[in-house]
Amino acid sequence: MSISKYEAFLKTVELGSLTRAAEQLGYTQSGMTYILNSLEDECGLTLLKRDRSGVQLTSDGLEMLPYIESLYESWRRVEEKRDELHGMESGHL
């Protein structure tokens, strides 16, 4: 699974709005819908309930949330470490 799918999911949950999450992440609303549908297809679960009032976690989404948060934060730490190591390597040249 692509890490951007997790980011899109977490931002949508945080904001409670697919439209606002799409705007903040630089996607169109239809692009965001595609990303979230793709994540749900890959998981084989419905994670979000979408309606005119916004989005809400399903029971499956609620159970998956801490795992997705943990995975996303771990990925961010890996990215930060990689950037740090790149900076260290260029500092040694």
PDB file of N, CA and C in Angstrom:
ATOM      1  N   MET A   1       0.841  -1.188   0.000  1.00  0.00           N
ATOM      2  CA  MET A   1       0.000   0.000   0.000  1.00  0.00           C
ATOM      3  C   MET A   1       0.882   1.245   0.000  1.00  0.00           C
ATOM      4  N   SER A   2       0.426   2.234  -0.666  1.00  0.00           N
ATOM      5  CA  SER A   2       1.154   3.489  -0.721  1.00  0.00           C
ATOM      6  C   SER A   2       0.930   4.278   0.568  1.00  0.00           C
ATOM      7  N   ILE A   3       2.010   4.885   1.069  1.00  0.00           N
ATOM      8  CA  ILE A   3       1.911   5.659   2.317  1.00  0.00           C
ATOM      9  C   ILE A   3       1.011   6.876   2.127  1.00  0.00           C
ATOM     10  N   SER A   4       0.915   7.392   0.910  1.00  0.00           N
ATOM     11  CA  SER A   4       0.046   8.550   0.665  1.00  0.00           C
ATOM     12  C   SER A   4      -1.420   8.205   0.916  1.00  0.00           C
ATOM     13  N   LYS A   5      -1.778   6.955   0.771  1.00  0.00           N
ATOM     14  CA  LYS A   5      -3.150   6.533   1.068  1.00  0.00           C
ATOM     15  C   LYS A   5      -3.434   6.669   2.560  1.00  0.00           C
ATOM     16  N   TYR A   6      -2.438   6.314   3.365  1.00  0.00           N
ATOM     17  CA  TYR A   6      -2.598   6.448   4.806  1.00  0.00           C
ATOM     18  C   TYR A   6      -2.692   7.914   5.208  1.00  0.00           C
ATOM     19  N   GLU A   7      -1.857   8.729   4.596  1.00  0.00           N
ATOM     20  CA  GLU A   7      -1.889  10.159   4.874  1.00  0.00           C
ATOM     21  C   GLU A   7      -3.259  10.740   4.511  1.00  0.00           C
ATOM     22  N   ALA A   8      -3.780  10.354   3.366  1.00  0.00           N
ATOM     23  CA  ALA A   8      -5.096  10.835   2.929  1.00  0.00           C
ATOM     24  C   ALA A   8      -6.185  10.390   3.901  1.00  0.00           C
ATOM     25  N   PHE A   9      -6.111   9.157   4.338  1.00  0.00           N
ATOM     26  CA  PHE A   9      -7.080   8.631   5.296  1.00  0.00           C
ATOM     27  C   PHE A   9      -7.019   9.406   6.607  1.00  0.00           C
ATOM     28  N   LEU A  10      -5.811   9.576   7.139  1.00  0.00           N
ATOM     29  CA  LEU A  10      -5.659  10.259   8.427  1.00  0.00           C
ATOM     30  C   LEU A  10      -6.091  11.717   8.351  1.00  0.00           C
ATOM     31  N   LYS A  11      -5.776  12.401   7.264  1.00  0.00           N
ATOM     32  CA  LYS A  11      -6.172  13.799   7.121  1.00  0.00           C
ATOM     33  C   LYS A  11      -7.693  13.909   7.010  1.00  0.00           C
ATOM     34  N   THR A  12      -8.311  12.981   6.307  1.00  0.00           N
ATOM     35  CA  THR A  12      -9.773  12.987   6.172  1.00  0.00           C
ATOM     36  C   THR A  12     -10.436  12.769   7.525  1.00  0.00           C
ATOM     37  N   VAL A  13      -9.908  11.837   8.297  1.00  0.00           N
ATOM     38  CA  VAL A  13     -10.445  11.580   9.638  1.00  0.00           C
ATOM     39  C   VAL A  13     -10.246  12.809  10.516  1.00  0.00           C
ATOM     40  N   GLU A  14      -9.057  13.384  10.471  1.00  0.00           N
ATOM     41  CA  GLU A  14      -8.738  14.553  11.292  1.00  0.00           C
ATOM     42  C   GLU A  14      -9.693  15.713  11.010  1.00  0.00           C
ATOM     43  N   LEU A  15      -9.942  15.975   9.745  1.00  0.00           N
ATOM     44  CA  LEU A  15     -10.762  17.129   9.365  1.00  0.00           C
ATOM     45  C   LEU A  15     -12.250  16.813   9.277  1.00  0.00           C
ATOM     46  N   GLY A  16     -12.592  15.535   9.202  1.00  0.00           N
ATOM     47  CA  GLY A  16     -13.993  15.151   9.092  1.00  0.00           C
ATOM     48  C   GLY A  16     -14.625  15.543   7.771  1.00  0.00           C
ATOM     49  N   SER A  17     -13.775  15.851   6.800  1.00  0.00           N
ATOM     50  CA  SER A  17     -14.262  16.317   5.505  1.00  0.00           C
ATOM     51  C   SER A  17     -13.315  15.873   4.408  1.00  0.00           C
ATOM     52  N   LEU A  18     -13.867  15.150   3.461  1.00  0.00           N
ATOM     53  CA  LEU A  18     -13.073  14.719   2.326  1.00  0.00           C
ATOM     54  C   LEU A  18     -12.621  15.917   1.496  1.00  0.00           C
ATOM     55  N   THR A  19     -13.496  16.887   1.325  1.00  0.00           N
ATOM     56  CA  THR A  19     -13.177  18.074   0.527  1.00  0.00           C
ATOM     57  C   THR A  19     -12.052  18.881   1.158  1.00  0.00           C
ATOM     58  N   ARG A  20     -12.136  19.136   2.453  1.00  0.00           N
ATOM     59  CA  ARG A  20     -11.089  19.913   3.129  1.00  0.00           C
ATOM     60  C   ARG A  20      -9.764  19.160   3.150  1.00  0.00           C
ATOM     61  N   ALA A  21      -9.829  17.846   3.349  1.00  0.00           N
ATOM     62  CA  ALA A  21      -8.607  17.043   3.333  1.00  0.00           C
ATOM     63  C   ALA A  21      -7.959  17.089   1.946  1.00  0.00           C
ATOM     64  N   ALA A  22      -8.774  16.986   0.906  1.00  0.00           N
ATOM     65  CA  ALA A  22      -8.254  17.054  -0.460  1.00  0.00           C
ATOM     66  C   ALA A  22      -7.573  18.398  -0.707  1.00  0.00           C
ATOM     67  N   GLU A  23      -8.206  19.465  -0.267  1.00  0.00           N
ATOM     68  CA  GLU A  23      -7.625  20.794  -0.446  1.00  0.00           C
ATOM     69  C   GLU A  23      -6.284  20.905   0.255  1.00  0.00           C
ATOM     70  N   GLN A  24      -6.189  20.428   1.487  1.00  0.00           N
ATOM     71  CA  GLN A  24      -4.946  20.543   2.254  1.00  0.00           C
ATOM     72  C   GLN A  24      -3.820  19.691   1.668  1.00  0.00           C
ATOM     73  N   LEU A  25      -4.188  18.567   1.074  1.00  0.00           N
ATOM     74  CA  LEU A  25      -3.163  17.672   0.532  1.00  0.00           C
ATOM     75  C   LEU A  25      -2.879  17.919  -0.948  1.00  0.00           C
ATOM     76  N   GLY A  26      -3.631  18.826  -1.558  1.00  0.00           N
ATOM     77  CA  GLY A  26      -3.389  19.162  -2.956  1.00  0.00           C
ATOM     78  C   GLY A  26      -4.008  18.206  -3.954  1.00  0.00           C
ATOM     79  N   TYR A  27      -5.087  17.543  -3.561  1.00  0.00           N
ATOM     80  CA  TYR A  27      -5.811  16.647  -4.453  1.00  0.00           C
ATOM     81  C   TYR A  27      -7.147  17.264  -4.834  1.00  0.00           C
ATOM     82  N   THR A  28      -7.718  16.771  -5.913  1.00  0.00           N
ATOM     83  CA  THR A  28      -9.110  17.101  -6.204  1.00  0.00           C
ATOM     84  C   THR A  28      -9.972  16.208  -5.320  1.00  0.00           C
ATOM     85  N   GLN A  29     -11.240  16.573  -5.198  1.00  0.00           N
ATOM     86  CA  GLN A  29     -12.135  15.740  -4.392  1.00  0.00           C
ATOM     87  C   GLN A  29     -12.268  14.349  -5.011  1.00  0.00           C
ATOM     88  N   SER A  30     -12.365  14.296  -6.339  1.00  0.00           N
ATOM     89  CA  SER A  30     -12.490  12.988  -6.986  1.00  0.00           C
ATOM     90  C   SER A  30     -11.198  12.177  -6.836  1.00  0.00           C
ATOM     91  N   GLY A  31     -10.049  12.858  -6.846  1.00  0.00           N
ATOM     92  CA  GLY A  31      -8.786  12.165  -6.624  1.00  0.00           C
ATOM     93  C   GLY A  31      -8.705  11.588  -5.224  1.00  0.00           C
ATOM     94  N   MET A  32      -9.178  12.351  -4.265  1.00  0.00           N
ATOM     95  CA  MET A  32      -9.181  11.892  -2.875  1.00  0.00           C
ATOM     96  C   MET A  32     -10.121  10.696  -2.714  1.00  0.00           C
ATOM     97  N   THR A  33     -11.272  10.765  -3.333  1.00  0.00           N
ATOM     98  CA  THR A  33     -12.215   9.646  -3.286  1.00  0.00           C
ATOM     99  C   THR A  33     -11.568   8.393  -3.862  1.00  0.00           C
ATOM    100  N   TYR A  34     -10.872   8.546  -4.975  1.00  0.00           N
ATOM    101  CA  TYR A  34     -10.189   7.412  -5.599  1.00  0.00           C
ATOM    102  C   TYR A  34      -9.152   6.817  -4.644  1.00  0.00           C
ATOM    103  N   ILE A  35      -8.354   7.669  -4.000  1.00  0.00           N
ATOM    104  CA  ILE A  35      -7.315   7.208  -3.068  1.00  0.00           C
ATOM    105  C   ILE A  35      -7.940   6.433  -1.907  1.00  0.00           C
ATOM    106  N   LEU A  36      -8.990   6.995  -1.325  1.00  0.00           N
ATOM    107  CA  LEU A  36      -9.629   6.342  -0.179  1.00  0.00           C
ATOM    108  C   LEU A  36     -10.314   5.041  -0.589  1.00  0.00           C
ATOM    109  N   ASN A  37     -10.961   5.032  -1.752  1.00  0.00           N
ATOM    110  CA  ASN A  37     -11.571   3.794  -2.245  1.00  0.00           C
ATOM    111  C   ASN A  37     -10.508   2.726  -2.481  1.00  0.00           C
ATOM    112  N   SER A  38      -9.370   3.146  -3.005  1.00  0.00           N
ATOM    113  CA  SER A  38      -8.273   2.222  -3.261  1.00  0.00           C
ATOM    114  C   SER A  38      -7.751   1.625  -1.954  1.00  0.00           C
ATOM    115  N   LEU A  39      -7.608   2.457  -0.933  1.00  0.00           N
ATOM    116  CA  LEU A  39      -7.173   1.970   0.380  1.00  0.00           C
ATOM    117  C   LEU A  39      -8.169   0.957   0.925  1.00  0.00           C
ATOM    118  N   GLU A  40      -9.447   1.290   0.846  1.00  0.00           N
ATOM    119  CA  GLU A  40     -10.469   0.370   1.346  1.00  0.00           C
ATOM    120  C   GLU A  40     -10.469  -0.941   0.551  1.00  0.00           C
ATOM    121  N   ASP A  41     -10.272  -0.849  -0.753  1.00  0.00           N
ATOM    122  CA  ASP A  41     -10.207  -2.063  -1.576  1.00  0.00           C
ATOM    123  C   ASP A  41      -9.025  -2.937  -1.173  1.00  0.00           C
ATOM    124  N   GLU A  42      -7.873  -2.304  -0.956  1.00  0.00           N
ATOM    125  CA  GLU A  42      -6.691  -3.056  -0.570  1.00  0.00           C
ATOM    126  C   GLU A  42      -6.848  -3.698   0.805  1.00  0.00           C
ATOM    127  N   CYS A  43      -7.515  -2.995   1.707  1.00  0.00           N
ATOM    128  CA  CYS A  43      -7.748  -3.539   3.057  1.00  0.00           C
ATOM    129  C   CYS A  43      -8.868  -4.578   3.055  1.00  0.00           C
ATOM    130  N   GLY A  44      -9.766  -4.463   2.102  1.00  0.00           N
ATOM    131  CA  GLY A  44     -10.946  -5.321   2.105  1.00  0.00           C
ATOM    132  C   GLY A  44     -11.940  -4.902   3.175  1.00  0.00           C
ATOM    133  N   LEU A  45     -11.874  -3.634   3.569  1.00  0.00           N
ATOM    134  CA  LEU A  45     -12.725  -3.101   4.629  1.00  0.00           C
ATOM    135  C   LEU A  45     -13.294  -1.749   4.225  1.00  0.00           C
ATOM    136  N   THR A  46     -14.465  -1.435   4.755  1.00  0.00           N
ATOM    137  CA  THR A  46     -14.999  -0.087   4.625  1.00  0.00           C
ATOM    138  C   THR A  46     -14.549   0.673   5.861  1.00  0.00           C
ATOM    139  N   LEU A  47     -13.698   1.672   5.652  1.00  0.00           N
ATOM    140  CA  LEU A  47     -13.107   2.412   6.761  1.00  0.00           C
ATOM    141  C   LEU A  47     -13.869   3.681   7.100  1.00  0.00           C
ATOM    142  N   LEU A  48     -14.500   4.286   6.086  1.00  0.00           N
ATOM    143  CA  LEU A  48     -15.183   5.563   6.266  1.00  0.00           C
ATOM    144  C   LEU A  48     -16.610   5.500   5.743  1.00  0.00           C
ATOM    145  N   LYS A  49     -17.494   6.143   6.485  1.00  0.00           N
ATOM    146  CA  LYS A  49     -18.864   6.354   6.026  1.00  0.00           C
ATOM    147  C   LYS A  49     -18.922   7.786   5.519  1.00  0.00           C
ATOM    148  N   ARG A  50     -19.308   7.951   4.272  1.00  0.00           N
ATOM    149  CA  ARG A  50     -19.355   9.274   3.659  1.00  0.00           C
ATOM    150  C   ARG A  50     -20.794   9.661   3.406  1.00  0.00           C
ATOM    151  N   ASP A  51     -21.146  10.885   3.791  1.00  0.00           N
ATOM    152  CA  ASP A  51     -22.458  11.429   3.459  1.00  0.00           C
ATOM    153  C   ASP A  51     -22.347  12.945   3.370  1.00  0.00           C
ATOM    154  N   ARG A  52     -23.452  13.609   3.185  1.00  0.00           N
ATOM    155  CA  ARG A  52     -23.438  15.055   2.991  1.00  0.00           C
ATOM    156  C   ARG A  52     -22.909  15.822   4.207  1.00  0.00           C
ATOM    157  N   SER A  53     -23.004  15.233   5.364  1.00  0.00           N
ATOM    158  CA  SER A  53     -22.533  15.923   6.569  1.00  0.00           C
ATOM    159  C   SER A  53     -21.033  15.741   6.797  1.00  0.00           C
ATOM    160  N   GLY A  54     -20.388  14.923   5.987  1.00  0.00           N
ATOM    161  CA  GLY A  54     -18.955  14.707   6.123  1.00  0.00           C
ATOM    162  C   GLY A  54     -18.617  13.236   6.130  1.00  0.00           C
ATOM    163  N   VAL A  55     -17.548  12.908   6.809  1.00  0.00           N
ATOM    164  CA  VAL A  55     -17.123  11.512   6.902  1.00  0.00           C
ATOM    165  C   VAL A  55     -17.016  11.109   8.365  1.00  0.00           C
ATOM    166  N   GLN A  56     -17.277   9.845   8.590  1.00  0.00           N
ATOM    167  CA  GLN A  56     -17.151   9.271   9.928  1.00  0.00           C
ATOM    168  C   GLN A  56     -16.484   7.918   9.799  1.00  0.00           C
ATOM    169  N   LEU A  57     -15.731   7.564  10.809  1.00  0.00           N
ATOM    170  CA  LEU A  57     -15.128   6.234  10.833  1.00  0.00           C
ATOM    171  C   LEU A  57     -16.199   5.170  10.999  1.00  0.00           C
ATOM    172  N   THR A  58     -16.068   4.081  10.275  1.00  0.00           N
ATOM    173  CA  THR A  58     -16.890   2.905  10.531  1.00  0.00           C
ATOM    174  C   THR A  58     -16.277   2.183  11.727  1.00  0.00           C
ATOM    175  N   SER A  59     -16.909   1.132  12.187  1.00  0.00           N
ATOM    176  CA  SER A  59     -16.325   0.363  13.293  1.00  0.00           C
ATOM    177  C   SER A  59     -14.988  -0.239  12.867  1.00  0.00           C
ATOM    178  N   ASP A  60     -14.889  -0.692  11.616  1.00  0.00           N
ATOM    179  CA  ASP A  60     -13.611  -1.211  11.116  1.00  0.00           C
ATOM    180  C   ASP A  60     -12.573  -0.093  11.048  1.00  0.00           C
ATOM    181  N   GLY A  61     -12.991   1.068  10.582  1.00  0.00           N
ATOM    182  CA  GLY A  61     -12.083   2.209  10.511  1.00  0.00           C
ATOM    183  C   GLY A  61     -11.572   2.609  11.877  1.00  0.00           C
ATOM    184  N   LEU A  62     -12.447   2.571  12.856  1.00  0.00           N
ATOM    185  CA  LEU A  62     -12.068   2.905  14.227  1.00  0.00           C
ATOM    186  C   LEU A  62     -11.041   1.916  14.762  1.00  0.00           C
ATOM    187  N   GLU A  63     -11.231   0.637  14.453  1.00  0.00           N
ATOM    188  CA  GLU A  63     -10.273  -0.374  14.907  1.00  0.00           C
ATOM    189  C   GLU A  63      -8.939  -0.265  14.179  1.00  0.00           C
ATOM    190  N   MET A  64      -8.962   0.121  12.914  1.00  0.00           N
ATOM    191  CA  MET A  64      -7.734   0.233  12.127  1.00  0.00           C
ATOM    192  C   MET A  64      -6.975   1.528  12.392  1.00  0.00           C
ATOM    193  N   LEU A  65      -7.654   2.556  12.884  1.00  0.00           N
ATOM    194  CA  LEU A  65      -7.057   3.876  13.053  1.00  0.00           C
ATOM    195  C   LEU A  65      -5.727   3.866  13.805  1.00  0.00           C
ATOM    196  N   PRO A  66      -5.629   3.258  14.988  1.00  0.00           N
ATOM    197  CA  PRO A  66      -4.343   3.312  15.696  1.00  0.00           C
ATOM    198  C   PRO A  66      -3.211   2.621  14.934  1.00  0.00           C
ATOM    199  N   TYR A  67      -3.523   1.591  14.179  1.00  0.00           N
ATOM    200  CA  TYR A  67      -2.507   0.895  13.405  1.00  0.00           C
ATOM    201  C   TYR A  67      -2.030   1.742  12.230  1.00  0.00           C
ATOM    202  N   ILE A  68      -2.967   2.408  11.579  1.00  0.00           N
ATOM    203  CA  ILE A  68      -2.608   3.288  10.467  1.00  0.00           C
ATOM    204  C   ILE A  68      -1.820   4.482  10.984  1.00  0.00           C
ATOM    205  N   GLU A  69      -2.230   5.033  12.121  1.00  0.00           N
ATOM    206  CA  GLU A  69      -1.468   6.142  12.716  1.00  0.00           C
ATOM    207  C   GLU A  69      -0.039   5.712  13.030  1.00  0.00           C
ATOM    208  N   SER A  70       0.115   4.545  13.615  1.00  0.00           N
ATOM    209  CA  SER A  70       1.432   4.034  13.979  1.00  0.00           C
ATOM    210  C   SER A  70       2.301   3.804  12.738  1.00  0.00           C
ATOM    211  N   LEU A  71       1.720   3.209  11.731  1.00  0.00           N
ATOM    212  CA  LEU A  71       2.450   2.963  10.493  1.00  0.00           C
ATOM    213  C   LEU A  71       2.885   4.271   9.845  1.00  0.00           C
ATOM    214  N   TYR A  72       1.999   5.232   9.816  1.00  0.00           N
ATOM    215  CA  TYR A  72       2.308   6.524   9.200  1.00  0.00           C
ATOM    216  C   TYR A  72       3.416   7.245   9.988  1.00  0.00           C
ATOM    217  N   GLU A  73       3.328   7.236  11.297  1.00  0.00           N
ATOM    218  CA  GLU A  73       4.353   7.893  12.111  1.00  0.00           C
ATOM    219  C   GLU A  73       5.707   7.201  11.963  1.00  0.00           C
ATOM    220  N   SER A  74       5.708   5.888  11.877  1.00  0.00           N
ATOM    221  CA  SER A  74       6.961   5.164  11.656  1.00  0.00           C
ATOM    222  C   SER A  74       7.566   5.549  10.314  1.00  0.00           C
ATOM    223  N   TRP A  75       6.758   5.643   9.305  1.00  0.00           N
ATOM    224  CA  TRP A  75       7.230   6.051   7.982  1.00  0.00           C
ATOM    225  C   TRP A  75       7.823   7.461   8.037  1.00  0.00           C
ATOM    226  N   ARG A  76       7.164   8.359   8.756  1.00  0.00           N
ATOM    227  CA  ARG A  76       7.681   9.727   8.877  1.00  0.00           C
ATOM    228  C   ARG A  76       9.050   9.740   9.572  1.00  0.00           C
ATOM    229  N   ARG A  77       9.219   8.906  10.574  1.00  0.00           N
ATOM    230  CA  ARG A  77      10.511   8.832  11.265  1.00  0.00           C
ATOM    231  C   ARG A  77      11.596   8.282  10.340  1.00  0.00           C
ATOM    232  N   VAL A  78      11.245   7.310   9.524  1.00  0.00           N
ATOM    233  CA  VAL A  78      12.196   6.777   8.545  1.00  0.00           C
ATOM    234  C   VAL A  78      12.599   7.875   7.564  1.00  0.00           C
ATOM    235  N   GLU A  79      11.632   8.635   7.093  1.00  0.00           N
ATOM    236  CA  GLU A  79      11.924   9.733   6.166  1.00  0.00           C
ATOM    237  C   GLU A  79      12.818  10.789   6.820  1.00  0.00           C
ATOM    238  N   GLU A  80      12.534  11.135   8.063  1.00  0.00           N
ATOM    239  CA  GLU A  80      13.349  12.118   8.781  1.00  0.00           C
ATOM    240  C   GLU A  80      14.780  11.619   8.963  1.00  0.00           C
ATOM    241  N   LYS A  81      14.924  10.350   9.307  1.00  0.00           N
ATOM    242  CA  LYS A  81      16.259   9.775   9.488  1.00  0.00           C
ATOM    243  C   LYS A  81      17.013   9.753   8.171  1.00  0.00           C
ATOM    244  N   ARG A  82      16.325   9.392   7.102  1.00  0.00           N
ATOM    245  CA  ARG A  82      16.954   9.384   5.787  1.00  0.00           C
ATOM    246  C   ARG A  82      17.454  10.778   5.427  1.00  0.00           C
ATOM    247  N   ASP A  83      16.605  11.784   5.657  1.00  0.00           N
ATOM    248  CA  ASP A  83      17.001  13.162   5.364  1.00  0.00           C
ATOM    249  C   ASP A  83      18.196  13.582   6.228  1.00  0.00           C
ATOM    250  N   GLU A  84      18.158  13.170   7.482  1.00  0.00           N
ATOM    251  CA  GLU A  84      19.271  13.480   8.387  1.00  0.00           C
ATOM    252  C   GLU A  84      20.568  12.849   7.888  1.00  0.00           C
ATOM    253  N   LEU A  85      20.491  11.594   7.470  1.00  0.00           N
ATOM    254  CA  LEU A  85      21.684  10.905   6.982  1.00  0.00           C
ATOM    255  C   LEU A  85      22.199  11.504   5.682  1.00  0.00           C
ATOM    256  N   HIS A  86      21.282  11.939   4.838  1.00  0.00           N
ATOM    257  CA  HIS A  86      21.706  12.619   3.609  1.00  0.00           C
ATOM    258  C   HIS A  86      22.436  13.903   3.959  1.00  0.00           C
ATOM    259  N   GLY A  87      21.952  14.626   4.948  1.00  0.00           N
ATOM    260  CA  GLY A  87      22.602  15.857   5.382  1.00  0.00           C
ATOM    261  C   GLY A  87      23.973  15.582   5.967  1.00  0.00           C
ATOM    262  N   MET A  88      24.090  14.494   6.725  1.00  0.00           N
ATOM    263  CA  MET A  88      25.372  14.135   7.331  1.00  0.00           C
ATOM    264  C   MET A  88      26.372  13.736   6.250  1.00  0.00           C
ATOM    265  N   GLU A  89      25.885  12.989   5.267  1.00  0.00           N
ATOM    266  CA  GLU A  89      26.779  12.554   4.203  1.00  0.00           C
ATOM    267  C   GLU A  89      27.315  13.750   3.423  1.00  0.00           C
ATOM    268  N   SER A  90      26.450  14.720   3.133  1.00  0.00           N
ATOM    269  CA  SER A  90      26.928  15.866   2.377  1.00  0.00           C
ATOM    270  C   SER A  90      27.834  16.726   3.241  1.00  0.00           C
ATOM    271  N   GLY A  91      27.659  16.689   4.563  1.00  0.00           N
ATOM    272  CA  GLY A  91      28.524  17.442   5.468  1.00  0.00           C
ATOM    273  C   GLY A  91      29.933  16.870   5.524  1.00  0.00           C
ATOM    274  N   HIS A  92      30.077  15.585   5.243  1.00  0.00           N
ATOM    275  CA  HIS A  92      31.391  14.961   5.269  1.00  0.00           C
ATOM    276  C   HIS A  92      32.177  15.194   3.991  1.00  0.00           C
ATOM    277  N   LEU A  93      31.506  15.618   2.943  1.00  0.00           N
ATOM    278  CA  LEU A  93      32.211  15.840   1.685  1.00  0.00           C
ATOM    279  C   LEU A  93      32.942  17.101   1.796  1.00  0.00           C
TER     280      LEU A  93
END
